[in-house]
């Protein structure tokens, strides 16, 4: 029997192969990273952030790498045991479609470098830790309130990355942590396939009370 696809799950159609999404992502994150470089250049007269390599680059890489792996492990536990997290993973899987490991690598690298250059490399030294963490969370708001879990996850991640920069003074650790989380979580999501098709109903009662009903392809059918 064929594995159920996103299209057969009753949700919005996916974009098919991930390459059009990757092209858009590389363009967006490239512009974001370039904006960060220009911002730093205007402020300091040097396009390279002072945090590259920074005060303690080896410590930053060690903490960033290990912290990223810890977040990925927590995400795996959450997806296994939390209905809302499985639903969110299914939504990401549907948007990206079939994404190869190399495509996941490129997407994770582009997002990590682009966002960290802008937020931690340029914005945090200019406006401070608090406003930068808030802005990072706000740019990860989804299309409706059911994506609040993603926003909350990004907000906590932004706080952690900001603390990492303050502690080590190195942007390298932030980039490595961000890349590790995005890449390994994307690989995990791709392996899950069409998770939503296996749910058959809204993820759980907590999610429906908190975020509203999730439309199901079987909703409205007679038993």
N, C-alpha and C. Protein backbone atom coordinates (compact mmCIF):
# COMPACT_ATOMS: atom_id res chain seq x y z
N UNK A 1 0.85 -1.19 0.00
CA UNK A 1 0.00 0.00 0.00
C UNK A 1 0.88 1.24 0.00
N UNK A 2 0.51 2.22 -0.79
CA UNK A 2 1.30 3.44 -0.85
C UNK A 2 1.17 4.22 0.45
N UNK A 3 2.25 4.90 0.82
CA UNK A 3 2.21 5.77 1.99
C UNK A 3 1.32 6.96 1.71
N UNK A 4 0.40 7.33 2.62
CA UNK A 4 -0.47 8.48 2.39
C UNK A 4 0.34 9.74 2.20
N UNK A 5 -0.10 10.59 1.33
CA UNK A 5 0.61 11.83 1.05
C UNK A 5 -0.14 12.99 1.65
N UNK A 6 0.52 14.17 1.66
CA UNK A 6 -0.09 15.37 2.18
C UNK A 6 -1.37 15.71 1.43
N UNK A 7 -1.34 15.53 0.10
CA UNK A 7 -2.50 15.89 -0.70
C UNK A 7 -3.72 15.06 -0.33
N UNK A 8 -3.50 13.78 0.03
CA UNK A 8 -4.63 12.92 0.36
C UNK A 8 -5.12 13.12 1.77
N UNK A 9 -4.43 13.94 2.57
CA UNK A 9 -4.82 14.14 3.95
C UNK A 9 -5.88 15.20 4.11
N UNK A 10 -6.23 15.88 3.04
CA UNK A 10 -7.26 16.89 3.12
C UNK A 10 -6.74 18.26 3.46
N UNK A 11 -5.43 18.42 3.63
CA UNK A 11 -4.87 19.72 3.93
C UNK A 11 -4.49 20.42 2.64
N UNK A 12 -3.98 21.64 2.78
CA UNK A 12 -3.62 22.37 1.58
C UNK A 12 -2.51 21.66 0.83
N UNK A 13 -2.47 21.72 -0.52
CA UNK A 13 -1.46 20.99 -1.27
C UNK A 13 -0.06 21.45 -0.91
N UNK A 14 0.88 20.51 -0.89
CA UNK A 14 2.27 20.86 -0.68
C UNK A 14 2.87 21.43 -1.96
N UNK A 15 4.11 21.86 -1.84
CA UNK A 15 4.78 22.46 -2.98
C UNK A 15 5.56 21.43 -3.79
N UNK A 16 5.39 20.14 -3.47
CA UNK A 16 6.12 19.13 -4.22
C UNK A 16 7.58 19.12 -3.80
N UNK A 17 8.52 18.86 -4.73
CA UNK A 17 9.93 18.87 -4.40
C UNK A 17 10.32 20.19 -3.75
N UNK A 18 11.31 20.11 -2.86
CA UNK A 18 11.62 21.26 -2.01
C UNK A 18 12.41 22.34 -2.71
N UNK A 19 12.84 22.12 -3.96
CA UNK A 19 13.77 23.08 -4.57
C UNK A 19 13.19 24.47 -4.76
N UNK A 20 11.91 24.67 -5.16
CA UNK A 20 11.37 26.03 -5.20
C UNK A 20 11.36 26.69 -3.82
N UNK A 21 11.04 25.91 -2.78
CA UNK A 21 11.06 26.44 -1.42
C UNK A 21 12.48 26.81 -1.03
N UNK A 22 13.43 25.97 -1.40
CA UNK A 22 14.83 26.27 -1.09
C UNK A 22 15.29 27.55 -1.78
N UNK A 23 14.90 27.74 -3.03
CA UNK A 23 15.29 28.96 -3.74
C UNK A 23 14.76 30.19 -3.03
N UNK A 24 13.51 30.13 -2.60
CA UNK A 24 12.93 31.24 -1.86
C UNK A 24 13.63 31.44 -0.53
N UNK A 25 13.95 30.33 0.15
CA UNK A 25 14.61 30.42 1.44
C UNK A 25 16.00 31.01 1.32
N UNK A 26 16.76 30.56 0.32
CA UNK A 26 18.11 31.10 0.13
C UNK A 26 18.05 32.60 -0.17
N UNK A 27 17.07 33.02 -0.95
CA UNK A 27 16.93 34.45 -1.27
C UNK A 27 16.62 35.25 -0.01
N UNK A 28 15.64 34.74 0.77
CA UNK A 28 15.23 35.47 1.97
C UNK A 28 16.36 35.54 2.99
N UNK A 29 16.95 34.39 3.30
CA UNK A 29 17.99 34.37 4.32
C UNK A 29 19.26 35.07 3.85
N UNK A 30 19.51 35.02 2.54
CA UNK A 30 20.64 35.77 2.01
C UNK A 30 20.47 37.26 2.20
N UNK A 31 19.27 37.76 1.90
CA UNK A 31 18.99 39.18 2.10
C UNK A 31 19.04 39.55 3.58
N UNK A 32 18.55 38.65 4.44
CA UNK A 32 18.57 38.92 5.87
C UNK A 32 20.01 39.01 6.39
N UNK A 33 20.83 38.05 5.98
CA UNK A 33 22.23 38.09 6.39
C UNK A 33 22.97 39.30 5.85
N UNK A 34 22.68 39.65 4.58
CA UNK A 34 23.31 40.83 3.99
C UNK A 34 22.88 42.10 4.72
N UNK A 35 21.62 42.16 5.12
CA UNK A 35 21.14 43.32 5.89
C UNK A 35 21.91 43.44 7.20
N UNK A 36 22.17 42.28 7.84
CA UNK A 36 22.95 42.31 9.07
C UNK A 36 24.36 42.83 8.84
N UNK A 37 24.98 42.39 7.76
CA UNK A 37 26.34 42.84 7.45
C UNK A 37 26.36 44.35 7.21
N UNK A 38 25.39 44.84 6.44
CA UNK A 38 25.32 46.28 6.17
C UNK A 38 25.08 47.06 7.46
N UNK A 39 24.20 46.55 8.32
CA UNK A 39 23.92 47.20 9.60
C UNK A 39 25.20 47.32 10.43
N UNK A 40 25.95 46.22 10.53
CA UNK A 40 27.20 46.24 11.29
C UNK A 40 28.19 47.22 10.65
N UNK A 41 28.27 47.21 9.35
CA UNK A 41 29.19 48.09 8.62
C UNK A 41 28.88 49.56 8.90
N UNK A 42 27.59 49.90 8.87
CA UNK A 42 27.19 51.29 9.13
C UNK A 42 27.53 51.68 10.58
N UNK A 43 27.30 50.77 11.52
CA UNK A 43 27.52 51.08 12.93
C UNK A 43 28.99 51.15 13.30
N UNK A 44 29.79 50.25 12.73
CA UNK A 44 31.17 50.11 13.21
C UNK A 44 32.23 50.45 12.18
N UNK A 45 31.82 50.55 10.92
CA UNK A 45 32.81 50.77 9.87
C UNK A 45 33.50 49.51 9.41
N UNK A 46 33.06 48.35 9.95
CA UNK A 46 33.63 47.06 9.59
C UNK A 46 32.49 46.10 9.33
N UNK A 47 32.44 45.47 8.15
CA UNK A 47 31.30 44.58 7.85
C UNK A 47 31.29 43.29 8.64
N UNK A 48 32.40 42.93 9.27
CA UNK A 48 32.47 41.69 10.04
C UNK A 48 32.07 41.98 11.49
N UNK A 49 31.07 41.29 12.03
CA UNK A 49 30.69 41.52 13.43
C UNK A 49 31.85 41.26 14.38
N UNK A 50 31.88 42.01 15.46
CA UNK A 50 32.94 41.82 16.45
C UNK A 50 32.89 40.44 17.09
N UNK A 51 31.73 39.80 17.01
CA UNK A 51 31.56 38.46 17.60
C UNK A 51 32.08 37.35 16.70
N UNK A 52 32.70 37.69 15.58
CA UNK A 52 33.33 36.71 14.71
C UNK A 52 34.84 36.94 14.70
N UNK A 53 35.66 36.03 15.22
CA UNK A 53 35.23 34.82 15.93
C UNK A 53 34.76 35.07 17.35
N UNK A 54 35.05 36.26 17.90
CA UNK A 54 34.59 36.58 19.24
C UNK A 54 35.60 36.23 20.32
N UNK A 55 35.17 36.45 21.56
CA UNK A 55 36.09 36.30 22.68
C UNK A 55 36.45 34.85 22.96
N UNK A 56 35.46 33.97 22.94
CA UNK A 56 35.70 32.56 23.29
C UNK A 56 35.04 31.65 22.25
N UNK A 57 35.60 31.60 21.03
CA UNK A 57 34.95 30.82 19.97
C UNK A 57 34.86 29.33 20.26
N UNK A 58 35.91 28.74 20.85
CA UNK A 58 35.88 27.30 21.13
C UNK A 58 34.81 26.96 22.16
N UNK A 59 34.70 27.79 23.18
CA UNK A 59 33.65 27.58 24.17
C UNK A 59 32.28 27.73 23.52
N UNK A 60 32.14 28.71 22.65
CA UNK A 60 30.88 28.91 21.96
C UNK A 60 30.49 27.71 21.12
N UNK A 61 31.46 27.14 20.38
CA UNK A 61 31.19 25.98 19.55
C UNK A 61 30.82 24.77 20.40
N UNK A 62 31.52 24.59 21.52
CA UNK A 62 31.25 23.44 22.39
C UNK A 62 29.85 23.54 23.00
N UNK A 63 29.53 24.71 23.55
CA UNK A 63 28.22 24.88 24.19
C UNK A 63 27.11 24.90 23.14
N UNK A 64 27.37 25.57 22.01
CA UNK A 64 26.36 25.64 20.96
C UNK A 64 26.04 24.27 20.38
N UNK A 65 27.06 23.47 20.11
CA UNK A 65 26.84 22.14 19.56
C UNK A 65 26.10 21.24 20.52
N UNK A 66 26.55 21.21 21.78
CA UNK A 66 25.91 20.34 22.76
C UNK A 66 24.50 20.82 23.09
N UNK A 67 24.32 22.14 23.17
CA UNK A 67 22.99 22.67 23.42
C UNK A 67 22.03 22.37 22.28
N UNK A 68 22.53 22.48 21.05
CA UNK A 68 21.69 22.16 19.90
C UNK A 68 21.25 20.71 19.91
N UNK A 69 22.14 19.80 20.26
CA UNK A 69 21.78 18.38 20.33
C UNK A 69 20.74 18.13 21.42
N UNK A 70 20.87 18.85 22.55
CA UNK A 70 19.90 18.69 23.63
C UNK A 70 18.51 19.15 23.19
N UNK A 71 18.45 20.25 22.43
CA UNK A 71 17.16 20.74 21.93
C UNK A 71 16.55 19.74 20.95
N UNK A 72 17.37 19.16 20.09
CA UNK A 72 16.87 18.17 19.12
C UNK A 72 16.32 16.95 19.85
N UNK A 73 17.02 16.50 20.89
CA UNK A 73 16.53 15.36 21.67
C UNK A 73 15.19 15.69 22.33
N UNK A 74 15.06 16.91 22.84
CA UNK A 74 13.80 17.33 23.45
C UNK A 74 12.69 17.39 22.42
N UNK A 75 13.01 17.84 21.20
CA UNK A 75 12.01 17.90 20.14
C UNK A 75 11.53 16.51 19.77
N UNK A 76 12.45 15.54 19.72
CA UNK A 76 12.08 14.17 19.39
C UNK A 76 11.12 13.60 20.44
N UNK A 77 11.39 13.88 21.70
CA UNK A 77 10.51 13.41 22.77
C UNK A 77 9.14 14.08 22.65
N UNK A 78 9.15 15.39 22.35
CA UNK A 78 7.90 16.11 22.22
C UNK A 78 7.05 15.61 21.07
N UNK A 79 7.67 15.35 19.93
CA UNK A 79 6.93 14.86 18.77
C UNK A 79 6.35 13.47 19.05
N UNK A 80 7.07 12.67 19.80
CA UNK A 80 6.59 11.33 20.12
C UNK A 80 5.40 11.36 21.08
N UNK A 81 5.41 12.29 22.02
CA UNK A 81 4.42 12.25 23.10
C UNK A 81 3.42 13.40 23.09
N UNK A 82 3.60 14.40 22.23
CA UNK A 82 2.73 15.57 22.24
C UNK A 82 1.96 15.68 20.93
N UNK A 83 0.62 15.66 21.02
CA UNK A 83 -0.20 15.82 19.82
C UNK A 83 0.05 17.13 19.08
N UNK A 84 0.06 18.28 19.79
CA UNK A 84 0.32 19.54 19.09
C UNK A 84 1.66 19.57 18.36
N UNK A 85 2.70 18.97 18.95
CA UNK A 85 3.99 18.96 18.28
C UNK A 85 3.97 18.06 17.05
N UNK A 86 3.24 16.94 17.11
CA UNK A 86 3.11 16.08 15.93
C UNK A 86 2.37 16.83 14.83
N UNK A 87 1.34 17.56 15.22
CA UNK A 87 0.58 18.33 14.23
C UNK A 87 1.46 19.39 13.58
N UNK A 88 2.26 20.10 14.40
CA UNK A 88 3.14 21.13 13.86
C UNK A 88 4.18 20.52 12.93
N UNK A 89 4.74 19.37 13.30
CA UNK A 89 5.70 18.69 12.44
C UNK A 89 5.07 18.31 11.11
N UNK A 90 3.80 17.87 11.16
CA UNK A 90 3.10 17.50 9.93
C UNK A 90 2.89 18.71 9.03
N UNK A 91 2.61 19.87 9.63
CA UNK A 91 2.43 21.08 8.84
C UNK A 91 3.74 21.47 8.13
N UNK A 92 4.85 21.39 8.86
CA UNK A 92 6.15 21.70 8.25
C UNK A 92 6.45 20.72 7.13
N UNK A 93 6.18 19.45 7.37
CA UNK A 93 6.41 18.41 6.35
C UNK A 93 5.59 18.68 5.10
N UNK A 94 4.34 19.15 5.30
CA UNK A 94 3.48 19.41 4.16
C UNK A 94 3.93 20.60 3.34
N UNK A 95 4.44 21.65 4.00
CA UNK A 95 4.91 22.83 3.29
C UNK A 95 6.15 22.51 2.47
N UNK A 96 7.07 21.77 3.07
CA UNK A 96 8.32 21.47 2.37
C UNK A 96 8.18 20.36 1.35
N UNK A 97 7.19 19.49 1.52
CA UNK A 97 7.07 18.35 0.63
C UNK A 97 8.20 17.37 0.88
N UNK A 98 8.66 16.72 -0.19
CA UNK A 98 9.74 15.76 -0.08
C UNK A 98 11.07 16.49 -0.14
N UNK A 99 11.77 16.49 0.97
CA UNK A 99 13.01 17.27 1.10
C UNK A 99 14.17 16.31 1.37
N UNK A 100 15.14 16.25 0.47
CA UNK A 100 16.27 15.34 0.62
C UNK A 100 17.17 15.81 1.75
N UNK A 101 18.06 14.93 2.26
CA UNK A 101 18.99 15.37 3.30
C UNK A 101 19.86 16.55 2.87
N UNK A 102 20.29 16.57 1.61
CA UNK A 102 21.10 17.69 1.15
C UNK A 102 20.29 18.98 1.11
N UNK A 103 19.00 18.87 0.76
CA UNK A 103 18.15 20.05 0.78
C UNK A 103 17.92 20.53 2.21
N UNK A 104 17.73 19.59 3.14
CA UNK A 104 17.60 19.96 4.55
C UNK A 104 18.86 20.65 5.04
N UNK A 105 20.01 20.15 4.62
CA UNK A 105 21.29 20.76 5.01
C UNK A 105 21.37 22.20 4.51
N UNK A 106 21.02 22.41 3.23
CA UNK A 106 21.09 23.76 2.67
C UNK A 106 20.14 24.71 3.34
N UNK A 107 18.92 24.25 3.61
CA UNK A 107 17.92 25.10 4.25
C UNK A 107 18.35 25.45 5.67
N UNK A 108 18.86 24.47 6.40
CA UNK A 108 19.31 24.72 7.77
C UNK A 108 20.49 25.67 7.80
N UNK A 109 21.43 25.50 6.88
CA UNK A 109 22.61 26.37 6.84
C UNK A 109 22.22 27.80 6.51
N UNK A 110 21.35 27.96 5.51
CA UNK A 110 20.94 29.30 5.10
C UNK A 110 20.21 30.02 6.23
N UNK A 111 19.31 29.32 6.90
CA UNK A 111 18.55 29.96 7.98
C UNK A 111 19.45 30.29 9.17
N UNK A 112 20.35 29.38 9.50
CA UNK A 112 21.23 29.62 10.65
C UNK A 112 22.15 30.81 10.41
N UNK A 113 22.80 30.84 9.26
CA UNK A 113 23.74 31.94 8.97
C UNK A 113 22.99 33.25 8.80
N UNK A 114 21.92 33.26 8.01
CA UNK A 114 21.19 34.50 7.75
C UNK A 114 20.60 35.10 9.01
N UNK A 115 19.90 34.27 9.80
CA UNK A 115 19.26 34.79 11.01
C UNK A 115 20.27 35.18 12.07
N UNK A 116 21.31 34.39 12.23
CA UNK A 116 22.28 34.73 13.28
C UNK A 116 23.09 35.97 12.93
N UNK A 117 23.45 36.16 11.66
CA UNK A 117 24.15 37.38 11.27
C UNK A 117 23.29 38.60 11.57
N UNK A 118 21.98 38.49 11.28
CA UNK A 118 21.11 39.65 11.47
C UNK A 118 20.80 39.86 12.95
N UNK A 119 20.27 38.82 13.62
CA UNK A 119 19.77 39.02 14.97
C UNK A 119 20.88 39.10 16.01
N UNK A 120 21.75 38.09 16.07
CA UNK A 120 22.80 38.11 17.08
C UNK A 120 24.03 38.90 16.64
N UNK A 121 24.33 38.90 15.34
CA UNK A 121 25.52 39.62 14.89
C UNK A 121 25.33 41.12 14.80
N UNK A 122 24.14 41.56 14.34
CA UNK A 122 23.91 42.98 14.13
C UNK A 122 22.95 43.58 15.15
N UNK A 123 21.80 42.95 15.36
CA UNK A 123 20.76 43.57 16.19
C UNK A 123 21.11 43.56 17.68
N UNK A 124 21.58 42.43 18.20
CA UNK A 124 21.81 42.36 19.64
C UNK A 124 22.85 43.36 20.13
N UNK A 125 23.98 43.55 19.44
CA UNK A 125 24.91 44.59 19.90
C UNK A 125 24.33 46.00 19.79
N UNK A 126 23.35 46.20 18.90
CA UNK A 126 22.81 47.54 18.68
C UNK A 126 21.67 47.88 19.62
N UNK A 127 20.75 46.93 19.86
CA UNK A 127 19.55 47.25 20.64
C UNK A 127 19.45 46.45 21.93
N UNK A 128 20.32 45.48 22.12
CA UNK A 128 20.32 44.73 23.36
C UNK A 128 19.68 43.35 23.25
N UNK A 129 19.89 42.58 24.30
CA UNK A 129 19.46 41.18 24.35
C UNK A 129 17.94 41.05 24.34
N UNK A 130 17.25 41.86 25.14
CA UNK A 130 15.81 41.71 25.29
C UNK A 130 15.04 41.98 24.02
N UNK A 131 15.27 43.12 23.39
CA UNK A 131 14.55 43.47 22.17
C UNK A 131 14.88 42.51 21.03
N UNK A 132 16.12 42.05 20.97
CA UNK A 132 16.50 41.10 19.92
C UNK A 132 15.76 39.78 20.09
N UNK A 133 15.68 39.28 21.30
CA UNK A 133 14.97 38.02 21.56
C UNK A 133 13.50 38.16 21.23
N UNK A 134 12.90 39.31 21.57
CA UNK A 134 11.50 39.56 21.26
C UNK A 134 11.28 39.59 19.75
N UNK A 135 12.15 40.30 19.04
CA UNK A 135 12.01 40.39 17.58
C UNK A 135 12.18 39.03 16.93
N UNK A 136 13.09 38.23 17.43
CA UNK A 136 13.31 36.89 16.87
C UNK A 136 12.06 36.04 17.02
N UNK A 137 11.40 36.13 18.17
CA UNK A 137 10.16 35.38 18.35
C UNK A 137 9.05 35.88 17.45
N UNK A 138 8.94 37.20 17.29
CA UNK A 138 7.85 37.77 16.51
C UNK A 138 7.93 37.42 15.02
N UNK A 139 9.15 37.28 14.49
CA UNK A 139 9.25 36.95 13.07
C UNK A 139 8.93 35.47 12.81
N UNK A 140 8.72 34.71 13.87
CA UNK A 140 8.34 33.31 13.72
C UNK A 140 6.87 33.08 14.06
N UNK A 141 6.05 34.08 13.83
CA UNK A 141 4.61 33.93 14.03
C UNK A 141 4.02 33.25 12.80
N UNK A 142 3.21 32.23 13.02
CA UNK A 142 2.60 31.48 11.93
C UNK A 142 1.35 32.16 11.41
N UNK A 143 0.68 31.53 10.44
CA UNK A 143 -0.50 32.14 9.80
C UNK A 143 -1.73 32.19 10.69
N UNK A 144 -1.80 31.38 11.73
CA UNK A 144 -2.94 31.45 12.66
C UNK A 144 -2.48 30.97 14.03
N UNK A 145 -3.40 31.02 15.02
CA UNK A 145 -3.01 30.78 16.39
C UNK A 145 -2.62 29.34 16.67
N UNK A 146 -2.93 28.44 15.76
CA UNK A 146 -2.50 27.06 15.96
C UNK A 146 -0.99 26.92 15.86
N UNK A 147 -0.32 27.93 15.33
CA UNK A 147 1.14 27.90 15.20
C UNK A 147 1.82 28.59 16.39
N UNK A 148 1.07 28.91 17.44
CA UNK A 148 1.66 29.57 18.60
C UNK A 148 2.76 28.72 19.24
N UNK A 149 2.64 27.41 19.11
CA UNK A 149 3.68 26.53 19.65
C UNK A 149 5.01 26.78 18.96
N UNK A 150 4.97 26.99 17.63
CA UNK A 150 6.19 27.30 16.88
C UNK A 150 6.77 28.63 17.34
N UNK A 151 5.90 29.63 17.52
CA UNK A 151 6.35 30.94 17.98
C UNK A 151 6.99 30.83 19.37
N UNK A 152 6.36 30.06 20.25
CA UNK A 152 6.90 29.89 21.61
C UNK A 152 8.26 29.20 21.56
N UNK A 153 8.37 28.17 20.72
CA UNK A 153 9.64 27.45 20.59
C UNK A 153 10.74 28.40 20.10
N UNK A 154 10.42 29.21 19.07
CA UNK A 154 11.40 30.15 18.52
C UNK A 154 11.77 31.21 19.55
N UNK A 155 10.81 31.65 20.34
CA UNK A 155 11.10 32.67 21.35
C UNK A 155 12.07 32.14 22.41
N UNK A 156 11.83 30.91 22.87
CA UNK A 156 12.73 30.31 23.85
C UNK A 156 14.11 30.09 23.23
N UNK A 157 14.13 29.64 21.97
CA UNK A 157 15.40 29.45 21.28
C UNK A 157 16.14 30.77 21.16
N UNK A 158 15.42 31.86 20.82
CA UNK A 158 16.05 33.16 20.71
C UNK A 158 16.67 33.61 22.02
N UNK A 159 15.97 33.35 23.13
CA UNK A 159 16.53 33.69 24.44
C UNK A 159 17.82 32.90 24.70
N UNK A 160 17.78 31.61 24.38
CA UNK A 160 18.96 30.78 24.59
C UNK A 160 20.14 31.22 23.75
N UNK A 161 19.89 31.52 22.49
CA UNK A 161 20.98 31.96 21.60
C UNK A 161 21.53 33.32 22.04
N UNK A 162 20.63 34.19 22.49
CA UNK A 162 21.10 35.48 22.99
C UNK A 162 21.99 35.32 24.22
N UNK A 163 21.59 34.42 25.14
CA UNK A 163 22.41 34.15 26.31
C UNK A 163 23.75 33.54 25.92
N UNK A 164 23.74 32.68 24.93
CA UNK A 164 24.98 32.07 24.47
C UNK A 164 25.95 33.11 23.94
N UNK A 165 25.42 34.09 23.19
CA UNK A 165 26.28 35.16 22.68
C UNK A 165 26.82 36.01 23.82
N UNK A 166 25.96 36.33 24.79
CA UNK A 166 26.41 37.14 25.92
C UNK A 166 27.49 36.41 26.72
N UNK A 167 27.34 35.10 26.85
CA UNK A 167 28.27 34.33 27.68
C UNK A 167 29.62 34.15 26.99
N UNK A 168 29.60 33.74 25.72
CA UNK A 168 30.85 33.40 25.04
C UNK A 168 31.40 34.54 24.19
N UNK A 169 30.56 35.51 23.84
CA UNK A 169 31.00 36.60 22.98
C UNK A 169 31.28 36.16 21.55
N UNK A 170 30.82 34.96 21.18
CA UNK A 170 31.14 34.42 19.86
C UNK A 170 29.86 34.05 19.11
N UNK A 171 29.76 34.54 17.87
CA UNK A 171 28.62 34.22 17.02
C UNK A 171 28.70 32.80 16.48
N UNK A 172 29.90 32.21 16.49
CA UNK A 172 30.07 30.87 15.93
C UNK A 172 29.23 29.83 16.66
N UNK A 173 29.18 29.92 17.97
CA UNK A 173 28.38 28.98 18.73
C UNK A 173 26.90 29.10 18.44
N UNK A 174 26.44 30.35 18.24
CA UNK A 174 25.03 30.57 17.91
C UNK A 174 24.69 29.96 16.56
N UNK A 175 25.57 30.15 15.59
CA UNK A 175 25.34 29.59 14.26
C UNK A 175 25.32 28.07 14.31
N UNK A 176 26.26 27.48 15.04
CA UNK A 176 26.31 26.02 15.13
C UNK A 176 25.07 25.46 15.82
N UNK A 177 24.66 26.08 16.92
CA UNK A 177 23.46 25.61 17.63
C UNK A 177 22.24 25.72 16.73
N UNK A 178 22.07 26.85 16.08
CA UNK A 178 20.93 27.08 15.21
C UNK A 178 20.91 26.07 14.06
N UNK A 179 22.07 25.85 13.44
CA UNK A 179 22.16 24.89 12.34
C UNK A 179 21.85 23.48 12.82
N UNK A 180 22.41 23.08 13.94
CA UNK A 180 22.20 21.73 14.45
C UNK A 180 20.72 21.47 14.71
N UNK A 181 20.05 22.43 15.33
CA UNK A 181 18.63 22.27 15.63
C UNK A 181 17.81 22.18 14.35
N UNK A 182 18.04 23.10 13.43
CA UNK A 182 17.25 23.11 12.20
C UNK A 182 17.50 21.87 11.35
N UNK A 183 18.77 21.50 11.17
CA UNK A 183 19.10 20.39 10.28
C UNK A 183 18.57 19.07 10.83
N UNK A 184 18.87 18.76 12.09
CA UNK A 184 18.46 17.47 12.63
C UNK A 184 16.95 17.39 12.81
N UNK A 185 16.32 18.51 13.16
CA UNK A 185 14.85 18.49 13.27
C UNK A 185 14.20 18.32 11.90
N UNK A 186 14.77 18.94 10.86
CA UNK A 186 14.23 18.75 9.52
C UNK A 186 14.37 17.30 9.07
N UNK A 187 15.51 16.69 9.34
CA UNK A 187 15.68 15.28 8.99
C UNK A 187 14.65 14.41 9.72
N UNK A 188 14.43 14.73 10.99
CA UNK A 188 13.45 13.99 11.77
C UNK A 188 12.05 14.14 11.19
N UNK A 189 11.69 15.37 10.81
CA UNK A 189 10.37 15.63 10.25
C UNK A 189 10.20 14.92 8.92
N UNK A 190 11.24 14.92 8.08
CA UNK A 190 11.14 14.23 6.80
C UNK A 190 10.92 12.74 6.98
N UNK A 191 11.52 12.16 8.00
CA UNK A 191 11.35 10.72 8.24
C UNK A 191 9.94 10.39 8.74
N UNK A 192 9.29 11.37 9.29
CA UNK A 192 7.97 11.10 9.83
C UNK A 192 6.93 10.88 8.75
N UNK A 193 7.19 11.40 7.54
CA UNK A 193 6.23 11.27 6.46
C UNK A 193 4.98 12.07 6.75
N UNK A 194 3.86 11.60 6.30
CA UNK A 194 2.60 12.31 6.49
C UNK A 194 2.01 11.94 7.85
N UNK A 195 2.47 12.65 8.89
CA UNK A 195 2.05 12.33 10.25
C UNK A 195 0.56 12.58 10.42
N UNK A 196 0.09 13.66 9.82
CA UNK A 196 -1.30 14.04 10.03
C UNK A 196 -2.27 12.94 9.60
N UNK A 197 -1.89 12.19 8.55
CA UNK A 197 -2.77 11.13 8.06
C UNK A 197 -2.94 10.03 9.09
N UNK A 198 -1.98 9.88 10.00
CA UNK A 198 -2.08 8.84 11.01
C UNK A 198 -2.85 9.28 12.24
N UNK A 199 -3.12 10.60 12.34
CA UNK A 199 -3.80 11.09 13.53
C UNK A 199 -5.30 10.82 13.45
N UNK A 200 -5.90 11.15 12.30
CA UNK A 200 -7.32 10.90 12.10
C UNK A 200 -8.23 11.85 12.82
N UNK A 201 -7.67 12.74 13.67
CA UNK A 201 -8.48 13.67 14.44
C UNK A 201 -7.57 14.76 14.95
N UNK A 202 -8.11 15.84 15.50
CA UNK A 202 -7.25 16.86 16.10
C UNK A 202 -6.29 16.22 17.09
N UNK A 203 -5.06 16.75 17.23
CA UNK A 203 -4.03 16.08 18.01
C UNK A 203 -4.44 15.67 19.41
N UNK A 204 -5.05 16.54 20.18
CA UNK A 204 -5.56 16.15 21.48
C UNK A 204 -6.46 17.25 22.02
N UNK A 205 -7.10 16.95 23.15
CA UNK A 205 -8.08 17.89 23.69
C UNK A 205 -7.41 19.18 24.13
N UNK A 206 -6.19 19.09 24.67
CA UNK A 206 -5.49 20.30 25.12
C UNK A 206 -5.30 21.26 23.96
N UNK A 207 -4.86 20.73 22.81
CA UNK A 207 -4.61 21.58 21.66
C UNK A 207 -5.89 22.26 21.19
N UNK A 208 -7.00 21.53 21.20
CA UNK A 208 -8.26 22.12 20.74
C UNK A 208 -8.75 23.19 21.70
N UNK A 209 -8.60 22.97 23.00
CA UNK A 209 -9.01 23.98 23.97
C UNK A 209 -8.15 25.23 23.86
N UNK A 210 -6.85 25.02 23.63
CA UNK A 210 -5.92 26.16 23.60
C UNK A 210 -5.98 26.92 22.29
N UNK A 211 -5.99 26.20 21.19
CA UNK A 211 -5.75 26.82 19.89
C UNK A 211 -6.91 26.71 18.92
N UNK A 212 -8.03 26.11 19.32
CA UNK A 212 -9.16 26.02 18.42
C UNK A 212 -9.17 24.71 17.67
N UNK A 213 -10.31 24.37 17.08
CA UNK A 213 -10.42 23.07 16.39
C UNK A 213 -9.53 23.00 15.17
N UNK A 214 -9.01 21.82 14.90
CA UNK A 214 -8.22 21.56 13.70
C UNK A 214 -9.11 20.85 12.71
N UNK A 215 -9.18 21.38 11.50
CA UNK A 215 -10.03 20.75 10.50
C UNK A 215 -9.52 19.37 10.16
N UNK A 216 -10.38 18.40 10.08
CA UNK A 216 -10.03 17.03 9.73
C UNK A 216 -10.79 16.62 8.49
N UNK A 217 -10.16 15.83 7.62
CA UNK A 217 -10.87 15.39 6.42
C UNK A 217 -12.12 14.58 6.73
N UNK A 218 -12.20 13.98 7.95
CA UNK A 218 -13.37 13.18 8.30
C UNK A 218 -14.44 13.99 9.04
N UNK A 219 -14.11 15.28 9.35
CA UNK A 219 -15.06 16.11 10.10
C UNK A 219 -16.33 16.31 9.26
N UNK A 220 -17.44 16.08 9.85
CA UNK A 220 -18.69 16.30 9.14
C UNK A 220 -19.26 15.03 8.51
N UNK A 221 -18.45 13.95 8.46
CA UNK A 221 -18.97 12.71 7.89
C UNK A 221 -19.84 11.99 8.92
N UNK A 222 -20.80 11.25 8.42
CA UNK A 222 -21.62 10.42 9.31
C UNK A 222 -20.81 9.23 9.79
N UNK A 223 -21.03 8.82 11.01
CA UNK A 223 -20.32 7.63 11.54
C UNK A 223 -20.81 6.38 10.82
